[in-house]
Amino acid sequence: MNFIIWLVVGGLIGWIASMIMRTDAQQGAILNVVVGIIGSMIGGWVIAPLLGSATVNQNDFSLRGLLASLLGAVILLAVVNLVRRGTAR
């Protein structure tokens, strides 16, 4: 059951991050899930210690945990865009 919640929340976080970075038309549902999960891992390493929380991957469904995961996903999409296009947006 935890795995299903992990996929759903990861998909939502990836979708919101793709809307923020304006890459939603280029990626589908599977890529949204991948971006959300990998973004949560990045957020857990970089942003969560600054906020004093854990991430969704660490079973923290608080607002700070979701924010750390979302910011990690946005960072991931910015890096991917920077590599592919030469610009972060």
PDB file of N, CA and C in Angstrom:
ATOM      1  N   MET A   1       0.826  -1.195   0.000  1.00  0.00           N
ATOM      2  CA  MET A   1       0.000   0.000   0.000  1.00  0.00           C
ATOM      3  C   MET A   1       0.867   1.255   0.000  1.00  0.00           C
ATOM      4  N   ASN A   2       1.961   1.210   0.730  1.00  0.00           N
ATOM      5  CA  ASN A   2       2.854   2.354   0.791  1.00  0.00           C
ATOM      6  C   ASN A   2       3.438   2.668  -0.587  1.00  0.00           C
ATOM      7  N   PHE A   3       3.718   1.620  -1.373  1.00  0.00           N
ATOM      8  CA  PHE A   3       4.273   1.792  -2.705  1.00  0.00           C
ATOM      9  C   PHE A   3       3.292   2.520  -3.620  1.00  0.00           C
ATOM     10  N   ILE A   4       2.019   2.210  -3.511  1.00  0.00           N
ATOM     11  CA  ILE A   4       0.997   2.861  -4.340  1.00  0.00           C
ATOM     12  C   ILE A   4       0.882   4.344  -3.977  1.00  0.00           C
ATOM     13  N   ILE A   5       0.898   4.641  -2.695  1.00  0.00           N
ATOM     14  CA  ILE A   5       0.853   6.040  -2.253  1.00  0.00           C
ATOM     15  C   ILE A   5       2.088   6.773  -2.745  1.00  0.00           C
ATOM     16  N   TRP A   6       3.236   6.099  -2.692  1.00  0.00           N
ATOM     17  CA  TRP A   6       4.497   6.673  -3.157  1.00  0.00           C
ATOM     18  C   TRP A   6       4.401   7.027  -4.640  1.00  0.00           C
ATOM     19  N   LEU A   7       3.814   6.153  -5.460  1.00  0.00           N
ATOM     20  CA  LEU A   7       3.662   6.419  -6.887  1.00  0.00           C
ATOM     21  C   LEU A   7       2.683   7.562  -7.159  1.00  0.00           C
ATOM     22  N   VAL A   8       1.574   7.567  -6.456  1.00  0.00           N
ATOM     23  CA  VAL A   8       0.558   8.603  -6.676  1.00  0.00           C
ATOM     24  C   VAL A   8       1.083   9.976  -6.271  1.00  0.00           C
ATOM     25  N   VAL A   9       1.672  10.069  -5.086  1.00  0.00           N
ATOM     26  CA  VAL A   9       2.191  11.359  -4.626  1.00  0.00           C
ATOM     27  C   VAL A   9       3.365  11.789  -5.496  1.00  0.00           C
ATOM     28  N   GLY A  10       4.223  10.851  -5.899  1.00  0.00           N
ATOM     29  CA  GLY A  10       5.319  11.175  -6.801  1.00  0.00           C
ATOM     30  C   GLY A  10       4.812  11.691  -8.133  1.00  0.00           C
ATOM     31  N   GLY A  11       3.742  11.094  -8.650  1.00  0.00           N
ATOM     32  CA  GLY A  11       3.139  11.559  -9.897  1.00  0.00           C
ATOM     33  C   GLY A  11       2.577  12.957  -9.774  1.00  0.00           C
ATOM     34  N   LEU A  12       1.913  13.236  -8.662  1.00  0.00           N
ATOM     35  CA  LEU A  12       1.356  14.574  -8.449  1.00  0.00           C
ATOM     36  C   LEU A  12       2.459  15.617  -8.312  1.00  0.00           C
ATOM     37  N   ILE A  13       3.506  15.287  -7.569  1.00  0.00           N
ATOM     38  CA  ILE A  13       4.615  16.224  -7.395  1.00  0.00           C
ATOM     39  C   ILE A  13       5.307  16.466  -8.738  1.00  0.00           C
ATOM     40  N   GLY A  14       5.522  15.401  -9.514  1.00  0.00           N
ATOM     41  CA  GLY A  14       6.128  15.551 -10.833  1.00  0.00           C
ATOM     42  C   GLY A  14       5.268  16.375 -11.771  1.00  0.00           C
ATOM     43  N   TRP A  15       3.960  16.187 -11.701  1.00  0.00           N
ATOM     44  CA  TRP A  15       3.048  16.940 -12.552  1.00  0.00           C
ATOM     45  C   TRP A  15       3.064  18.426 -12.183  1.00  0.00           C
ATOM     46  N   ILE A  16       3.020  18.731 -10.889  1.00  0.00           N
ATOM     47  CA  ILE A  16       3.051  20.130 -10.451  1.00  0.00           C
ATOM     48  C   ILE A  16       4.376  20.777 -10.831  1.00  0.00           C
ATOM     49  N   ALA A  17       5.482  20.041 -10.667  1.00  0.00           N
ATOM     50  CA  ALA A  17       6.790  20.580 -11.046  1.00  0.00           C
ATOM     51  C   ALA A  17       6.855  20.825 -12.546  1.00  0.00           C
ATOM     52  N   SER A  18       6.281  19.938 -13.348  1.00  0.00           N
ATOM     53  CA  SER A  18       6.294  20.149 -14.798  1.00  0.00           C
ATOM     54  C   SER A  18       5.419  21.327 -15.198  1.00  0.00           C
ATOM     55  N   MET A  19       4.361  21.596 -14.449  1.00  0.00           N
ATOM     56  CA  MET A  19       3.541  22.780 -14.718  1.00  0.00           C
ATOM     57  C   MET A  19       4.319  24.044 -14.375  1.00  0.00           C
ATOM     58  N   ILE A  20       5.067  24.026 -13.281  1.00  0.00           N
ATOM     59  CA  ILE A  20       5.868  25.184 -12.885  1.00  0.00           C
ATOM     60  C   ILE A  20       6.955  25.461 -13.918  1.00  0.00           C
ATOM     61  N   MET A  21       7.611  24.405 -14.394  1.00  0.00           N
ATOM     62  CA  MET A  21       8.724  24.560 -15.331  1.00  0.00           C
ATOM     63  C   MET A  21       8.262  24.591 -16.796  1.00  0.00           C
ATOM     64  N   ARG A  22       6.980  24.487 -17.038  1.00  0.00           N
ATOM     65  CA  ARG A  22       6.381  24.530 -18.376  1.00  0.00           C
ATOM     66  C   ARG A  22       6.902  23.425 -19.296  1.00  0.00           C
ATOM     67  N   THR A  23       7.023  22.218 -18.754  1.00  0.00           N
ATOM     68  CA  THR A  23       7.434  21.066 -19.562  1.00  0.00           C
ATOM     69  C   THR A  23       6.347  19.999 -19.587  1.00  0.00           C
ATOM     70  N   ASP A  24       5.136  20.356 -19.197  1.00  0.00           N
ATOM     71  CA  ASP A  24       4.061  19.380 -19.079  1.00  0.00           C
ATOM     72  C   ASP A  24       3.673  18.774 -20.425  1.00  0.00           C
ATOM     73  N   ALA A  25       3.752  19.539 -21.497  1.00  0.00           N
ATOM     74  CA  ALA A  25       3.362  19.030 -22.810  1.00  0.00           C
ATOM     75  C   ALA A  25       4.369  18.014 -23.344  1.00  0.00           C
ATOM     76  N   GLN A  26       5.570  18.008 -22.812  1.00  0.00           N
ATOM     77  CA  GLN A  26       6.620  17.134 -23.305  1.00  0.00           C
ATOM     78  C   GLN A  26       6.697  15.800 -22.574  1.00  0.00           C
ATOM     79  N   GLN A  27       6.045  15.678 -21.446  1.00  0.00           N
ATOM     80  CA  GLN A  27       6.174  14.451 -20.663  1.00  0.00           C
ATOM     81  C   GLN A  27       4.806  13.901 -20.295  1.00  0.00           C
ATOM     82  N   GLY A  28       4.735  12.589 -20.164  1.00  0.00           N
ATOM     83  CA  GLY A  28       3.492  11.919 -19.838  1.00  0.00           C
ATOM     84  C   GLY A  28       3.425  11.561 -18.367  1.00  0.00           C
ATOM     85  N   ALA A  29       2.482  10.703 -18.041  1.00  0.00           N
ATOM     86  CA  ALA A  29       2.244  10.333 -16.648  1.00  0.00           C
ATOM     87  C   ALA A  29       3.412   9.549 -16.053  1.00  0.00           C
ATOM     88  N   ILE A  30       3.997   8.653 -16.832  1.00  0.00           N
ATOM     89  CA  ILE A  30       5.113   7.842 -16.315  1.00  0.00           C
ATOM     90  C   ILE A  30       6.302   8.738 -15.997  1.00  0.00           C
ATOM     91  N   LEU A  31       6.604   9.677 -16.876  1.00  0.00           N
ATOM     92  CA  LEU A  31       7.724  10.578 -16.635  1.00  0.00           C
ATOM     93  C   LEU A  31       7.438  11.512 -15.460  1.00  0.00           C
ATOM     94  N   ASN A  32       6.174  11.882 -15.260  1.00  0.00           N
ATOM     95  CA  ASN A  32       5.816  12.674 -14.083  1.00  0.00           C
ATOM     96  C   ASN A  32       6.119  11.914 -12.799  1.00  0.00           C
ATOM     97  N   VAL A  33       5.809  10.621 -12.775  1.00  0.00           N
ATOM     98  CA  VAL A  33       6.098   9.799 -11.599  1.00  0.00           C
ATOM     99  C   VAL A  33       7.598   9.716 -11.371  1.00  0.00           C
ATOM    100  N   VAL A  34       8.358   9.501 -12.442  1.00  0.00           N
ATOM    101  CA  VAL A  34       9.821   9.402 -12.327  1.00  0.00           C
ATOM    102  C   VAL A  34      10.401  10.718 -11.824  1.00  0.00           C
ATOM    103  N   VAL A  35       9.952  11.837 -12.374  1.00  0.00           N
ATOM    104  CA  VAL A  35      10.432  13.149 -11.943  1.00  0.00           C
ATOM    105  C   VAL A  35      10.066  13.390 -10.485  1.00  0.00           C
ATOM    106  N   GLY A  36       8.863  13.011 -10.077  1.00  0.00           N
ATOM    107  CA  GLY A  36       8.445  13.201  -8.687  1.00  0.00           C
ATOM    108  C   GLY A  36       9.271  12.377  -7.714  1.00  0.00           C
ATOM    109  N   ILE A  37       9.569  11.136  -8.061  1.00  0.00           N
ATOM    110  CA  ILE A  37      10.323  10.270  -7.160  1.00  0.00           C
ATOM    111  C   ILE A  37      11.786  10.700  -7.089  1.00  0.00           C
ATOM    112  N   ILE A  38      12.404  10.944  -8.236  1.00  0.00           N
ATOM    113  CA  ILE A  38      13.803  11.378  -8.230  1.00  0.00           C
ATOM    114  C   ILE A  38      13.925  12.782  -7.627  1.00  0.00           C
ATOM    115  N   GLY A  39      12.953  13.633  -7.895  1.00  0.00           N
ATOM    116  CA  GLY A  39      12.938  14.965  -7.291  1.00  0.00           C
ATOM    117  C   GLY A  39      12.807  14.906  -5.778  1.00  0.00           C
ATOM    118  N   SER A  40      12.043  13.943  -5.283  1.00  0.00           N
ATOM    119  CA  SER A  40      11.940  13.764  -3.831  1.00  0.00           C
ATOM    120  C   SER A  40      13.265  13.335  -3.228  1.00  0.00           C
ATOM    121  N   MET A  41      13.993  12.512  -3.954  1.00  0.00           N
ATOM    122  CA  MET A  41      15.306  12.098  -3.463  1.00  0.00           C
ATOM    123  C   MET A  41      16.269  13.288  -3.435  1.00  0.00           C
ATOM    124  N   ILE A  42      16.257  14.096  -4.487  1.00  0.00           N
ATOM    125  CA  ILE A  42      17.099  15.296  -4.518  1.00  0.00           C
ATOM    126  C   ILE A  42      16.685  16.266  -3.411  1.00  0.00           C
ATOM    127  N   GLY A  43      15.394  16.446  -3.252  1.00  0.00           N
ATOM    128  CA  GLY A  43      14.902  17.315  -2.191  1.00  0.00           C
ATOM    129  C   GLY A  43      15.286  16.816  -0.812  1.00  0.00           C
ATOM    130  N   GLY A  44      15.336  15.499  -0.651  1.00  0.00           N
ATOM    131  CA  GLY A  44      15.735  14.927   0.631  1.00  0.00           C
ATOM    132  C   GLY A  44      17.192  15.167   0.948  1.00  0.00           C
ATOM    133  N   TRP A  45      18.030  15.187  -0.075  1.00  0.00           N
ATOM    134  CA  TRP A  45      19.453  15.404   0.145  1.00  0.00           C
ATOM    135  C   TRP A  45      19.808  16.874   0.290  1.00  0.00           C
ATOM    136  N   VAL A  46      19.130  17.731  -0.468  1.00  0.00           N
ATOM    137  CA  VAL A  46      19.534  19.133  -0.541  1.00  0.00           C
ATOM    138  C   VAL A  46      18.633  20.050   0.296  1.00  0.00           C
ATOM    139  N   ILE A  47      17.329  19.942   0.139  1.00  0.00           N
ATOM    140  CA  ILE A  47      16.406  20.933   0.680  1.00  0.00           C
ATOM    141  C   ILE A  47      15.846  20.562   2.052  1.00  0.00           C
ATOM    142  N   ALA A  48      15.554  19.294   2.272  1.00  0.00           N
ATOM    143  CA  ALA A  48      14.941  18.876   3.535  1.00  0.00           C
ATOM    144  C   ALA A  48      15.788  19.228   4.752  1.00  0.00           C
ATOM    145  N   PRO A  49      17.110  19.074   4.721  1.00  0.00           N
ATOM    146  CA  PRO A  49      17.890  19.498   5.902  1.00  0.00           C
ATOM    147  C   PRO A  49      17.784  20.996   6.170  1.00  0.00           C
ATOM    148  N   LEU A  50      17.621  21.792   5.117  1.00  0.00           N
ATOM    149  CA  LEU A  50      17.460  23.238   5.312  1.00  0.00           C
ATOM    150  C   LEU A  50      16.108  23.572   5.934  1.00  0.00           C
ATOM    151  N   LEU A  51      15.089  22.789   5.591  1.00  0.00           N
ATOM    152  CA  LEU A  51      13.745  23.024   6.133  1.00  0.00           C
ATOM    153  C   LEU A  51      13.513  22.309   7.459  1.00  0.00           C
ATOM    154  N   GLY A  52      14.396  21.393   7.801  1.00  0.00           N
ATOM    155  CA  GLY A  52      14.233  20.633   9.043  1.00  0.00           C
ATOM    156  C   GLY A  52      13.138  19.588   8.950  1.00  0.00           C
ATOM    157  N   SER A  53      13.012  18.951   7.796  1.00  0.00           N
ATOM    158  CA  SER A  53      11.975  17.943   7.619  1.00  0.00           C
ATOM    159  C   SER A  53      12.514  16.785   6.800  1.00  0.00           C
ATOM    160  N   ALA A  54      11.676  15.798   6.599  1.00  0.00           N
ATOM    161  CA  ALA A  54      11.990  14.683   5.714  1.00  0.00           C
ATOM    162  C   ALA A  54      11.203  14.894   4.418  1.00  0.00           C
ATOM    163  N   THR A  55      11.268  13.928   3.509  1.00  0.00           N
ATOM    164  CA  THR A  55      10.516  14.049   2.265  1.00  0.00           C
ATOM    165  C   THR A  55       9.459  12.964   2.189  1.00  0.00           C
ATOM    166  N   VAL A  56       8.722  12.967   1.096  1.00  0.00           N
ATOM    167  CA  VAL A  56       7.681  11.971   0.884  1.00  0.00           C
ATOM    168  C   VAL A  56       8.299  10.581   0.817  1.00  0.00           C
ATOM    169  N   ASN A  57       9.499  10.461   0.244  1.00  0.00           N
ATOM    170  CA  ASN A  57      10.175   9.169   0.170  1.00  0.00           C
ATOM    171  C   ASN A  57      10.497   8.624   1.555  1.00  0.00           C
ATOM    172  N   GLN A  58      10.584   9.490   2.537  1.00  0.00           N
ATOM    173  CA  GLN A  58      10.878   9.079   3.904  1.00  0.00           C
ATOM    174  C   GLN A  58       9.614   9.070   4.768  1.00  0.00           C
ATOM    175  N   ASN A  59       8.459   8.943   4.117  1.00  0.00           N
ATOM    176  CA  ASN A  59       7.135   8.860   4.756  1.00  0.00           C
ATOM    177  C   ASN A  59       6.786  10.096   5.583  1.00  0.00           C
ATOM    178  N   ASP A  60       7.166  11.257   5.113  1.00  0.00           N
ATOM    179  CA  ASP A  60       6.795  12.506   5.763  1.00  0.00           C
ATOM    180  C   ASP A  60       5.815  13.225   4.852  1.00  0.00           C
ATOM    181  N   PHE A  61       4.540  13.166   5.187  1.00  0.00           N
ATOM    182  CA  PHE A  61       3.508  13.799   4.378  1.00  0.00           C
ATOM    183  C   PHE A  61       3.094  15.146   4.958  1.00  0.00           C
ATOM    184  N   SER A  62       4.051  15.845   5.560  1.00  0.00           N
ATOM    185  CA  SER A  62       3.776  17.177   6.066  1.00  0.00           C
ATOM    186  C   SER A  62       3.934  18.191   4.935  1.00  0.00           C
ATOM    187  N   LEU A  63       3.543  19.402   5.188  1.00  0.00           N
ATOM    188  CA  LEU A  63       3.644  20.447   4.183  1.00  0.00           C
ATOM    189  C   LEU A  63       5.109  20.716   3.834  1.00  0.00           C
ATOM    190  N   ARG A  64       5.988  20.726   4.834  1.00  0.00           N
ATOM    191  CA  ARG A  64       7.417  20.940   4.578  1.00  0.00           C
ATOM    192  C   ARG A  64       8.015  19.788   3.780  1.00  0.00           C
ATOM    193  N   GLY A  65       7.588  18.574   4.059  1.00  0.00           N
ATOM    194  CA  GLY A  65       8.076  17.423   3.311  1.00  0.00           C
ATOM    195  C   GLY A  65       7.648  17.457   1.856  1.00  0.00           C
ATOM    196  N   LEU A  66       6.393  17.828   1.623  1.00  0.00           N
ATOM    197  CA  LEU A  66       5.904  17.953   0.247  1.00  0.00           C
ATOM    198  C   LEU A  66       6.575  19.104  -0.486  1.00  0.00           C
ATOM    199  N   LEU A  67       6.837  20.205   0.222  1.00  0.00           N
ATOM    200  CA  LEU A  67       7.523  21.336  -0.382  1.00  0.00           C
ATOM    201  C   LEU A  67       8.959  20.974  -0.753  1.00  0.00           C
ATOM    202  N   ALA A  68       9.648  20.247   0.116  1.00  0.00           N
ATOM    203  CA  ALA A  68      11.016  19.808  -0.189  1.00  0.00           C
ATOM    204  C   ALA A  68      11.025  18.893  -1.412  1.00  0.00           C
ATOM    205  N   SER A  69      10.062  17.999  -1.510  1.00  0.00           N
ATOM    206  CA  SER A  69       9.966  17.109  -2.666  1.00  0.00           C
ATOM    207  C   SER A  69       9.670  17.886  -3.946  1.00  0.00           C
ATOM    208  N   LEU A  70       8.766  18.849  -3.860  1.00  0.00           N
ATOM    209  CA  LEU A  70       8.426  19.667  -5.027  1.00  0.00           C
ATOM    210  C   LEU A  70       9.620  20.491  -5.482  1.00  0.00           C
ATOM    211  N   LEU A  71      10.327  21.105  -4.568  1.00  0.00           N
ATOM    212  CA  LEU A  71      11.499  21.900  -4.943  1.00  0.00           C
ATOM    213  C   LEU A  71      12.597  21.022  -5.538  1.00  0.00           C
ATOM    214  N   GLY A  72      12.742  19.808  -5.036  1.00  0.00           N
ATOM    215  CA  GLY A  72      13.698  18.877  -5.624  1.00  0.00           C
ATOM    216  C   GLY A  72      13.323  18.510  -7.047  1.00  0.00           C
ATOM    217  N   ALA A  73      12.038  18.319  -7.304  1.00  0.00           N
ATOM    218  CA  ALA A  73      11.574  17.999  -8.661  1.00  0.00           C
ATOM    219  C   ALA A  73      11.767  19.184  -9.600  1.00  0.00           C
ATOM    220  N   VAL A  74      11.553  20.387  -9.117  1.00  0.00           N
ATOM    221  CA  VAL A  74      11.773  21.588  -9.937  1.00  0.00           C
ATOM    222  C   VAL A  74      13.260  21.724 -10.261  1.00  0.00           C
ATOM    223  N   ILE A  75      14.123  21.462  -9.287  1.00  0.00           N
ATOM    224  CA  ILE A  75      15.568  21.503  -9.520  1.00  0.00           C
ATOM    225  C   ILE A  75      15.958  20.465 -10.564  1.00  0.00           C
ATOM    226  N   LEU A  76      15.401  19.272 -10.462  1.00  0.00           N
ATOM    227  CA  LEU A  76      15.695  18.225 -11.440  1.00  0.00           C
ATOM    228  C   LEU A  76      15.299  18.653 -12.846  1.00  0.00           C
ATOM    229  N   LEU A  77      14.101  19.199 -13.009  1.00  0.00           N
ATOM    230  CA  LEU A  77      13.658  19.641 -14.331  1.00  0.00           C
ATOM    231  C   LEU A  77      14.496  20.809 -14.849  1.00  0.00           C
ATOM    232  N   ALA A  78      14.934  21.697 -13.962  1.00  0.00           N
ATOM    233  CA  ALA A  78      15.785  22.813 -14.381  1.00  0.00           C
ATOM    234  C   ALA A  78      17.126  22.302 -14.893  1.00  0.00           C
ATOM    235  N   VAL A  79      17.697  21.313 -14.217  1.00  0.00           N
ATOM    236  CA  VAL A  79      18.974  20.746 -14.652  1.00  0.00           C
ATOM    237  C   VAL A  79      18.812  20.027 -15.987  1.00  0.00           C
ATOM    238  N   VAL A  80      17.732  19.263 -16.133  1.00  0.00           N
ATOM    239  CA  VAL A  80      17.484  18.566 -17.397  1.00  0.00           C
ATOM    240  C   VAL A  80      17.306  19.568 -18.531  1.00  0.00           C
ATOM    241  N   ASN A  81      16.545  20.634 -18.302  1.00  0.00           N
ATOM    242  CA  ASN A  81      16.358  21.660 -19.327  1.00  0.00           C
ATOM    243  C   ASN A  81      17.665  22.360 -19.651  1.00  0.00           C
ATOM    244  N   LEU A  82      18.492  22.588 -18.655  1.00  0.00           N
ATOM    245  CA  LEU A  82      19.775  23.247 -18.870  1.00  0.00           C
ATOM    246  C   LEU A  82      20.684  22.396 -19.753  1.00  0.00           C
ATOM    247  N   VAL A  83      20.662  21.091 -19.528  1.00  0.00           N
ATOM    248  CA  VAL A  83      21.496  20.194 -20.325  1.00  0.00           C
ATOM    249  C   VAL A  83      20.944  20.057 -21.744  1.00  0.00           C
ATOM    250  N   ARG A  84      19.641  19.920 -21.870  1.00  0.00           N
ATOM    251  CA  ARG A  84      19.036  19.678 -23.190  1.00  0.00           C
ATOM    252  C   ARG A  84      18.968  20.938 -24.056  1.00  0.00           C
ATOM    253  N   ARG A  85      18.623  22.064 -23.457  1.00  0.00           N
ATOM    254  CA  ARG A  85      18.361  23.265 -24.244  1.00  0.00           C
ATOM    255  C   ARG A  85      19.380  24.377 -24.050  1.00  0.00           C
ATOM    256  N   GLY A  86      20.158  24.310 -23.010  1.00  0.00           N
ATOM    257  CA  GLY A  86      21.111  25.371 -22.719  1.00  0.00           C
ATOM    258  C   GLY A  86      20.530  26.475 -21.861  1.00  0.00           C
ATOM    259  N   THR A  87      19.265  26.335 -21.439  1.00  0.00           N
ATOM    260  CA  THR A  87      18.626  27.298 -20.555  1.00  0.00           C
ATOM    261  C   THR A  87      17.798  26.547 -19.525  1.00  0.00           C
ATOM    262  N   ALA A  88      17.684  27.117 -18.329  1.00  0.00           N
ATOM    263  CA  ALA A  88      16.967  26.425 -17.257  1.00  0.00           C
ATOM    264  C   ALA A  88      15.458  26.401 -17.485  1.00  0.00           C
ATOM    265  N   ARG A  89      14.911  27.283 -18.271  1.00  0.00           N
ATOM    266  CA  ARG A  89      13.475  27.294 -18.490  1.00  0.00           C
ATOM    267  C   ARG A  89      13.144  26.922 -19.872  1.00  0.00           C
TER     268      ARG A  89
END
